[in-house]
Amino acid sequence: MRIILGVSGGIAAYKSVLLLRLLREAGHSVRVIPTAAALRFVGAATWEALSGEPASADVFDDVPGVPHVALGQGADLVVVAPATADLLSRAASGRADDLLTATLLTARCPVALAPAMHTEMWEHPATRTNVALLRERGVHIIEPASGRLTGADSGSGRLPEPADIAREALALIPSSSCAKSQDLAGKSVVVSAGGTREPIDPVRWIGNRSSGKQGIALAKTARTRGAHVTLVAANIEDAEGAADVVIPVETCLELRQAVRDAGAAADVIVMAAAVADFRPAMPAAVKIKKAQGPASIDLVENPDILAELIREPLRAGQVVVGFAAETGDETSEVLEYGRAKARRKGADLLAVNVVGEGLGFGTATNEIWLLNAVGEQVAHAAGSKREVADAIWDAVIAL
């Protein structure tokens, strides 16, 4: 494959050196196009030594070869990592003031951008608008990770690890040996993700710590493998672009209705959302004041959406996958609780994972055991949430 690796001017440019090596070791031909600012972080000599090709930011280098047109036209994949806020802005507005942005305009192959910047820049409305516009045009955005940024800062906006960028970008090329086959082509998939919130009053709610990252990874990998994906997103701040259709919901009852509506025509339903077991019977219409003294809240049980889907299937032959987040205690281990729940629920597959402080919720990695309807283990997966998602879809296909 002929790959263009664009590098813009952020401190995360050093990670792209490893990304270049990974792409080369996978057998691909890689031409690096840095911006002028990127060359202040990593010099041209490094890019040229590792790629074996020239690395220039200037459209006036090699004028007879017309590189500002030829490079994009001849590429099988363009991936930009890191993509700074400035690069996203210039790409969204169609600027062509250097070799990289000119190449983005001429490329007709899959294009993947991996944003990396400080949290404030990533969350700024201007950046969000640029990202949304690029997605509308078919550009694949590799979501930034959360973690340590420059200096002592931490938050969202961190460049994902090079191996994760390579895996996600290469999966965009149907003929790539690194890509999963289109084994979900023609299938309709519904994935629920995030955590429901049950209102106590207009400002307070009962909820959980689910970030929705595993559910988003499931939606993205299914889409990469050819499925039409509907994501029912419970209180996820940035689900845009994760699926063909995104349905935002807040409460258990809203999620239940959305899953039932979208799932009526689905081949597979994956219930990855963390749904509250209870909700306040009578949410207060106004904020409960501390001066009123201690308040008691009557709770009612929420419907078991997964059990309903098993008991009354929305469609004949539909595959249903559930999730069970467990902590274990002094009487039983996590997997023991999971086996009991698998037998009780009867889902085609139940993904059991350990949660707690620093485990499962909000992290970049996960570990799950896949159990069948009688509690037998059919698979185990650990690694990035995208790797776990692929393992789950492998098991679904096997059914």
Protein backbone atom coordinates (compact mmCIF):
# COMPACT_ATOMS: atom_id res chain seq x y z
CA MET A 1 0.00 0.00 0.00
CA ARG A 2 1.06 3.57 -0.70
CA ILE A 3 0.49 5.59 2.48
CA ILE A 4 0.88 9.31 3.11
CA LEU A 5 1.71 10.07 6.73
CA GLY A 6 0.98 13.72 7.49
CA VAL A 7 2.50 15.22 10.64
CA SER A 8 1.43 18.62 11.97
CA GLY A 9 3.16 20.78 14.54
CA GLY A 10 2.39 19.41 17.98
CA ILE A 11 4.56 17.89 20.68
CA ALA A 12 2.92 14.51 19.94
CA ALA A 13 4.83 14.47 16.62
CA TYR A 14 7.45 12.32 18.34
CA LYS A 15 4.92 9.47 18.56
CA SER A 16 4.50 9.53 14.80
CA VAL A 17 8.08 8.37 14.41
CA LEU A 18 7.00 5.03 15.88
CA LEU A 19 3.83 5.10 13.76
CA LEU A 20 6.00 5.45 10.66
CA ARG A 21 8.09 2.48 11.71
CA LEU A 22 4.99 0.35 12.36
CA LEU A 23 3.58 1.14 8.92
CA ARG A 24 6.90 0.36 7.24
CA GLU A 25 7.33 -2.90 9.17
CA ALA A 26 3.85 -3.92 8.01
CA GLY A 27 5.19 -3.76 4.46
CA HIS A 28 3.74 -0.44 3.32
CA SER A 29 5.42 2.32 1.34
CA VAL A 30 5.19 5.54 3.38
CA ARG A 31 5.86 9.14 2.35
CA VAL A 32 5.94 11.58 5.28
CA ILE A 33 4.59 15.08 4.69
CA PRO A 34 5.32 17.25 7.73
CA THR A 35 4.16 20.80 8.16
CA ALA A 36 6.79 23.50 8.69
CA ALA A 37 5.86 23.56 12.38
CA ALA A 38 6.21 19.78 12.63
CA LEU A 39 9.79 20.03 11.41
CA ARG A 40 10.58 22.10 14.51
CA PHE A 41 9.68 19.07 16.64
CA VAL A 42 11.12 16.26 14.47
CA GLY A 43 13.62 17.03 11.71
CA ALA A 44 13.41 15.98 8.08
CA ALA A 45 16.46 13.72 8.48
CA THR A 46 14.54 11.47 10.89
CA TRP A 47 11.56 11.12 8.56
CA GLU A 48 13.74 10.49 5.50
CA ALA A 49 15.96 7.94 7.24
CA LEU A 50 13.00 5.89 8.46
CA SER A 51 10.84 6.19 5.35
CA GLY A 52 13.52 6.11 2.68
CA GLU A 53 11.74 8.96 0.92
CA PRO A 54 12.00 12.77 0.87
CA ALA A 55 10.16 14.68 3.61
CA SER A 56 9.22 18.21 2.64
CA ALA A 57 6.57 20.71 3.68
CA ASP A 58 7.00 22.96 0.66
CA VAL A 59 4.86 22.78 -2.48
CA PHE A 60 7.78 24.28 -4.46
CA ASP A 61 10.10 21.32 -3.87
CA ASP A 62 10.31 19.07 -6.95
CA VAL A 63 8.04 21.32 -9.01
CA PRO A 64 8.32 19.16 -12.18
CA GLY A 65 6.84 16.22 -10.24
CA VAL A 66 3.79 18.30 -9.23
CA PRO A 67 3.82 16.73 -5.73
CA HIS A 68 0.92 18.82 -4.40
CA VAL A 69 -1.35 16.91 -6.80
CA ALA A 70 0.50 13.66 -7.49
CA LEU A 71 0.96 12.57 -3.87
CA GLY A 72 -2.74 12.65 -3.03
CA GLN A 73 -3.76 11.09 -6.33
CA GLY A 74 -1.41 8.13 -5.88
CA ALA A 75 -2.16 7.33 -2.24
CA ASP A 76 -4.11 4.33 -0.93
CA LEU A 77 -4.43 5.94 2.49
CA VAL A 78 -3.70 9.31 4.08
CA VAL A 79 -3.31 9.47 7.85
CA VAL A 80 -2.41 12.64 9.73
CA ALA A 81 -1.04 12.17 13.24
CA PRO A 82 -0.99 14.39 15.12
CA ALA A 83 -3.65 16.62 13.60
CA THR A 84 -3.48 19.90 15.52
CA ALA A 85 -6.34 22.37 15.92
CA ASP A 86 -4.69 24.50 13.25
CA LEU A 87 -4.48 21.60 10.80
CA LEU A 88 -8.13 20.66 11.42
CA SER A 89 -9.16 24.26 10.77
CA ARG A 90 -7.17 24.51 7.55
CA ALA A 91 -8.41 21.13 6.31
CA ALA A 92 -12.04 21.99 7.09
CA SER A 93 -11.83 25.30 5.23
CA GLY A 94 -10.13 23.75 2.20
CA ARG A 95 -6.88 25.67 2.50
CA ALA A 96 -3.91 24.50 0.43
CA ASP A 97 -1.10 26.64 1.79
CA ASP A 98 1.41 23.82 2.24
CA LEU A 99 2.10 20.38 0.81
CA LEU A 100 0.05 18.51 3.42
CA THR A 101 -3.19 20.49 3.04
CA ALA A 102 -2.83 20.44 -0.76
CA THR A 103 -2.48 16.65 -0.59
CA LEU A 104 -5.63 16.40 1.55
CA LEU A 105 -7.55 18.23 -1.19
CA THR A 106 -6.39 15.89 -3.95
CA ALA A 107 -6.68 12.58 -2.08
CA ARG A 108 -9.55 10.34 -3.18
CA CYS A 109 -8.55 7.47 -0.90
CA PRO A 110 -9.57 7.00 2.76
CA VAL A 111 -8.33 9.86 4.95
CA ALA A 112 -7.87 9.50 8.72
CA LEU A 113 -7.03 12.36 11.07
CA ALA A 114 -5.83 11.74 14.63
CA PRO A 115 -6.37 14.99 16.57
CA ALA A 116 -4.00 15.84 19.43
CA MET A 117 -4.08 19.03 21.47
CA HIS A 118 -4.83 20.39 24.92
CA THR A 119 -8.28 19.62 26.31
CA GLU A 120 -9.44 23.24 26.09
CA MET A 121 -8.57 23.35 22.39
CA TRP A 122 -10.20 19.97 21.67
CA GLU A 123 -13.42 20.99 23.43
CA HIS A 124 -13.60 24.48 21.89
CA PRO A 125 -16.72 24.99 19.71
CA ALA A 126 -14.56 25.99 16.73
CA THR A 127 -12.66 22.69 16.85
CA ARG A 128 -15.85 20.69 17.35
CA THR A 129 -17.41 22.43 14.32
CA ASN A 130 -14.36 21.67 12.18
CA VAL A 131 -14.39 18.01 13.24
CA ALA A 132 -18.11 17.69 12.48
CA LEU A 133 -17.63 19.23 9.03
CA LEU A 134 -14.73 16.93 8.20
CA ARG A 135 -16.77 13.90 9.27
CA GLU A 136 -19.63 15.03 7.03
CA ARG A 137 -17.18 14.99 4.12
CA GLY A 138 -16.19 11.41 4.86
CA VAL A 139 -12.96 11.99 6.77
CA HIS A 140 -12.37 9.39 9.48
CA ILE A 141 -11.56 10.96 12.86
CA ILE A 142 -9.54 8.79 15.24
CA GLU A 143 -10.77 9.89 18.65
CA PRO A 144 -8.11 11.32 20.95
CA ALA A 145 -7.36 9.51 24.18
CA SER A 146 -7.52 10.89 27.71
CA GLY A 147 -4.43 11.09 29.88
CA ARG A 148 -1.23 12.98 30.44
CA LEU A 149 -0.73 15.96 28.13
CA THR A 150 2.14 18.44 27.94
CA GLY A 151 3.63 19.29 31.33
CA ALA A 152 1.46 18.43 34.32
CA ASP A 153 -1.85 18.71 32.45
CA SER A 154 -4.16 15.75 31.95
CA GLY A 155 -7.41 15.35 30.05
CA SER A 156 -8.87 14.49 26.66
CA GLY A 157 -6.83 15.41 23.60
CA ARG A 158 -3.93 13.01 23.97
CA LEU A 159 -2.73 11.32 20.77
CA PRO A 160 -3.63 7.60 20.88
CA GLU A 161 -0.83 5.07 20.92
CA PRO A 162 0.80 4.52 17.49
CA ALA A 163 -0.30 0.88 17.31
CA ASP A 164 -3.94 1.90 17.83
CA ILE A 165 -3.68 4.62 15.16
CA ALA A 166 -2.12 2.16 12.69
CA ARG A 167 -4.78 -0.46 13.35
CA GLU A 168 -7.71 1.94 12.96
CA ALA A 169 -6.30 3.71 9.90
CA LEU A 170 -5.34 0.52 8.05
CA ALA A 171 -8.79 -0.92 8.70
CA LEU A 172 -10.15 1.79 6.38
CA ILE A 173 -8.51 0.09 3.40
CA PRO A 174 -10.75 -2.85 2.36
CA SER A 175 -7.87 -4.69 0.69
CA SER A 176 -5.43 -4.18 3.57
CA SER A 177 -4.17 -7.38 5.15
CA CYS A 178 -4.39 -5.54 8.47
CA ALA A 179 -8.09 -4.87 8.05
CA LYS A 180 -10.84 -7.18 9.18
CA SER A 181 -12.84 -8.63 6.33
CA GLN A 182 -16.24 -7.11 5.67
CA ASP A 183 -17.88 -9.96 7.60
CA LEU A 184 -20.72 -7.74 8.84
CA ALA A 185 -21.52 -6.30 5.40
CA GLY A 186 -25.26 -6.08 4.85
CA LYS A 187 -26.02 -6.50 8.56
CA SER A 188 -27.90 -4.01 10.71
CA VAL A 189 -26.50 -3.54 14.21
CA VAL A 190 -27.79 -1.63 17.24
CA VAL A 191 -25.37 -0.82 20.06
CA SER A 192 -26.32 0.90 23.32
CA ALA A 193 -23.55 2.73 25.16
CA GLY A 194 -22.93 5.06 28.07
CA GLY A 195 -24.76 5.27 31.38
CA THR A 196 -28.37 6.22 32.07
CA ARG A 197 -29.31 9.02 34.46
CA GLU A 198 -32.54 8.94 36.48
CA PRO A 199 -33.62 12.43 37.67
CA ILE A 200 -34.12 13.12 41.37
CA ASP A 201 -34.91 16.78 40.75
CA PRO A 202 -34.01 19.20 37.93
CA VAL A 203 -30.30 19.23 38.93
CA ARG A 204 -29.61 15.83 40.51
CA TRP A 205 -29.75 12.30 39.21
CA ILE A 206 -28.96 8.67 39.98
CA GLY A 207 -26.37 7.28 37.60
CA ASN A 208 -23.08 5.47 37.19
CA ARG A 209 -19.50 6.01 36.01
CA SER A 210 -19.76 4.51 32.53
CA SER A 211 -18.00 6.62 29.89
CA GLY A 212 -19.43 4.76 26.90
CA LYS A 213 -15.97 4.10 25.42
CA GLN A 214 -16.47 0.34 25.04
CA GLY A 215 -19.84 0.84 23.37
CA ILE A 216 -18.40 3.42 20.97
CA ALA A 217 -15.56 1.02 20.13
CA LEU A 218 -18.14 -1.68 19.38
CA ALA A 219 -20.04 0.68 17.09
CA LYS A 220 -16.92 1.81 15.24
CA THR A 221 -15.54 -1.68 14.69
CA ALA A 222 -18.89 -2.98 13.46
CA ARG A 223 -19.03 -0.10 10.99
CA THR A 224 -15.48 -0.82 9.84
CA ARG A 225 -16.48 -4.44 9.27
CA GLY A 226 -19.33 -3.40 6.98
CA ALA A 227 -22.41 -3.16 9.21
CA HIS A 228 -24.98 -0.37 9.26
CA VAL A 229 -24.74 0.79 12.86
CA THR A 230 -27.21 2.61 15.09
CA LEU A 231 -25.74 3.83 18.39
CA VAL A 232 -28.12 4.53 21.26
CA ALA A 233 -25.96 6.93 23.28
CA ALA A 234 -26.84 7.44 26.93
CA ASN A 235 -25.26 10.69 28.16
CA ILE A 236 -22.17 10.47 25.95
CA GLU A 237 -20.69 13.89 25.26
CA ASP A 238 -19.11 13.08 21.91
CA ALA A 239 -20.78 10.22 20.06
CA GLU A 240 -20.94 12.07 16.75
CA GLY A 241 -19.41 10.09 13.92
CA ALA A 242 -19.26 6.84 15.89
CA ALA A 243 -22.09 5.24 13.91
CA ASP A 244 -24.32 5.72 10.88
CA VAL A 245 -27.14 6.84 13.19
CA VAL A 246 -26.71 8.21 16.72
CA ILE A 247 -29.75 8.43 19.03
CA PRO A 248 -29.08 10.41 22.24
CA VAL A 249 -31.01 9.31 25.33
CA GLU A 250 -30.86 10.05 29.05
CA THR A 251 -32.97 7.63 31.11
CA CYS A 252 -33.55 3.89 31.15
CA LEU A 253 -37.05 4.27 29.72
CA GLU A 254 -35.77 6.45 26.88
CA LEU A 255 -33.01 3.95 26.11
CA ARG A 256 -35.47 1.07 26.20
CA GLN A 257 -37.77 2.74 23.66
CA ALA A 258 -34.90 3.73 21.37
CA VAL A 259 -33.46 0.20 21.38
CA ARG A 260 -36.86 -1.33 20.68
CA ASP A 261 -37.56 1.09 17.81
CA ALA A 262 -34.15 0.69 16.17
CA GLY A 263 -33.83 -3.00 17.03
CA ALA A 264 -37.00 -4.07 15.25
CA ALA A 265 -35.02 -4.34 12.00
CA ALA A 266 -31.61 -5.24 13.47
CA ASP A 267 -29.67 -8.45 13.00
CA VAL A 268 -27.65 -7.87 16.18
CA ILE A 269 -28.33 -5.88 19.35
CA VAL A 270 -25.47 -5.23 21.77
CA MET A 271 -26.52 -3.86 25.15
CA ALA A 272 -23.25 -2.27 26.31
CA ALA A 273 -24.89 0.64 28.16
CA ALA A 274 -24.82 0.67 31.96
CA VAL A 275 -28.52 0.97 32.79
CA ALA A 276 -29.66 2.13 36.23
CA ASP A 277 -31.51 -0.62 38.11
CA PHE A 278 -33.78 1.86 39.91
CA ARG A 279 -35.29 5.31 39.37
CA PRO A 280 -36.99 7.80 41.71
CA ALA A 281 -40.72 7.13 41.79
CA MET A 282 -41.61 10.84 41.85
CA PRO A 283 -38.84 13.20 40.71
CA ALA A 284 -39.19 16.62 42.32
CA ALA A 285 -40.33 19.39 40.00
CA VAL A 286 -38.04 21.90 41.72
CA LYS A 287 -34.61 21.61 43.31
CA ILE A 288 -34.72 19.95 46.73
CA LYS A 289 -33.35 22.44 49.30
CA LYS A 290 -30.98 21.46 52.07
CA ALA A 291 -33.02 23.65 54.45
CA GLN A 292 -35.92 21.23 54.04
CA GLY A 293 -33.95 18.68 56.06
CA PRO A 294 -33.00 15.10 55.17
CA ALA A 295 -34.91 13.83 52.16
CA SER A 296 -36.00 10.27 51.49
CA ILE A 297 -36.33 9.07 47.92
CA ASP A 298 -38.73 6.28 47.00
CA LEU A 299 -37.25 4.14 44.24
CA VAL A 300 -38.98 1.90 41.72
CA GLU A 301 -37.31 -0.83 39.70
CA ASN A 302 -36.42 -0.11 36.09
CA PRO A 303 -37.33 -2.68 33.42
CA ASP A 304 -34.66 -5.25 32.56
CA ILE A 305 -34.18 -4.34 28.89
CA LEU A 306 -31.83 -7.23 28.13
CA ALA A 307 -34.21 -9.79 29.67
CA GLU A 308 -37.09 -8.35 27.65
CA LEU A 309 -35.14 -8.68 24.41
CA ILE A 310 -34.48 -12.35 25.21
CA ARG A 311 -37.98 -13.12 26.42
CA GLU A 312 -39.73 -11.37 23.53
CA PRO A 313 -37.32 -11.13 20.56
CA LEU A 314 -37.90 -8.15 18.29
CA ARG A 315 -36.98 -10.21 15.23
CA ALA A 316 -36.56 -13.91 14.47
CA GLY A 317 -32.93 -15.02 14.47
CA GLN A 318 -31.71 -11.84 16.09
CA VAL A 319 -28.42 -12.13 18.04
CA VAL A 320 -28.46 -10.38 21.42
CA VAL A 321 -25.30 -9.57 23.37
CA GLY A 322 -25.39 -8.32 26.95
CA PHE A 323 -22.82 -6.84 29.32
CA ALA A 324 -22.34 -7.57 33.00
CA ALA A 325 -20.10 -5.25 35.00
CA GLU A 326 -19.11 -7.04 38.21
CA THR A 327 -16.89 -6.32 41.21
CA GLY A 328 -16.90 -9.58 43.11
CA ASP A 329 -17.00 -9.79 46.92
CA GLU A 330 -16.00 -12.01 49.82
CA THR A 331 -18.47 -14.73 48.78
CA SER A 332 -18.07 -14.98 45.01
CA GLU A 333 -15.61 -14.16 42.24
CA VAL A 334 -16.49 -11.97 39.27
CA LEU A 335 -16.73 -14.86 36.82
CA GLU A 336 -18.94 -16.85 39.19
CA TYR A 337 -21.41 -13.95 39.34
CA GLY A 338 -21.15 -13.66 35.57
CA ARG A 339 -21.97 -17.32 34.96
CA ALA A 340 -25.05 -17.04 37.17
CA LYS A 341 -26.19 -13.92 35.34
CA ALA A 342 -25.59 -15.54 31.94
CA ARG A 343 -27.83 -18.46 32.88
CA ARG A 344 -30.45 -16.13 34.34
CA LYS A 345 -30.53 -13.71 31.37
CA GLY A 346 -30.18 -16.20 28.52
CA ALA A 347 -28.49 -13.83 26.07
CA ASP A 348 -26.66 -15.35 23.11
CA LEU A 349 -23.48 -13.83 24.55
CA LEU A 350 -22.76 -12.09 27.82
CA ALA A 351 -19.57 -10.03 28.19
CA VAL A 352 -18.48 -10.09 31.83
CA ASN A 353 -15.93 -7.48 32.92
CA VAL A 354 -14.40 -6.33 36.19
CA VAL A 355 -15.13 -2.73 37.16
CA GLY A 356 -14.01 -0.53 40.02
CA GLU A 357 -11.45 2.14 40.77
CA GLY A 358 -9.16 2.29 37.73
CA LEU A 359 -10.86 -0.71 36.12
CA GLY A 360 -13.29 -0.77 33.20
CA PHE A 361 -15.05 2.60 33.50
CA GLY A 362 -13.33 5.46 31.70
CA THR A 363 -10.10 3.58 30.98
CA ALA A 364 -8.50 2.96 27.58
CA THR A 365 -8.30 -0.80 28.14
CA ASN A 366 -10.69 -3.54 29.16
CA GLU A 367 -10.83 -7.25 29.91
CA ILE A 368 -13.89 -9.40 29.29
CA TRP A 369 -15.00 -13.02 29.41
CA LEU A 370 -17.65 -13.98 26.85
CA LEU A 371 -20.16 -16.51 28.12
CA ASN A 372 -22.97 -18.25 26.27
CA ALA A 373 -26.57 -18.69 27.48
CA VAL A 374 -25.66 -21.58 29.79
CA GLY A 375 -22.65 -19.84 31.32
CA GLU A 376 -19.91 -21.56 29.32
CA GLN A 377 -16.90 -19.45 28.37
CA VAL A 378 -16.59 -19.03 24.61
CA ALA A 379 -13.88 -16.34 24.50
CA HIS A 380 -11.63 -14.11 26.57
CA ALA A 381 -10.23 -10.76 25.43
CA ALA A 382 -7.97 -8.14 26.98
CA GLY A 383 -6.36 -5.04 25.54
CA SER A 384 -7.58 -1.78 24.06
CA LYS A 385 -11.34 -1.37 23.91
CA ARG A 386 -11.15 -1.61 20.13
CA GLU A 387 -9.36 -4.97 20.41
CA VAL A 388 -12.00 -6.17 22.87
CA ALA A 389 -14.73 -4.96 20.49
CA ASP A 390 -13.22 -6.93 17.60
CA ALA A 391 -13.12 -10.07 19.77
CA ILE A 392 -16.82 -9.65 20.57
CA TRP A 393 -17.73 -9.26 16.90
CA ASP A 394 -15.61 -12.33 16.08
CA ALA A 395 -17.76 -14.28 18.55
CA VAL A 396 -20.97 -12.86 17.09
CA ILE A 397 -19.91 -13.91 13.59
CA ALA A 398 -19.12 -17.39 14.90
CA LEU A 399 -22.75 -17.74 15.95
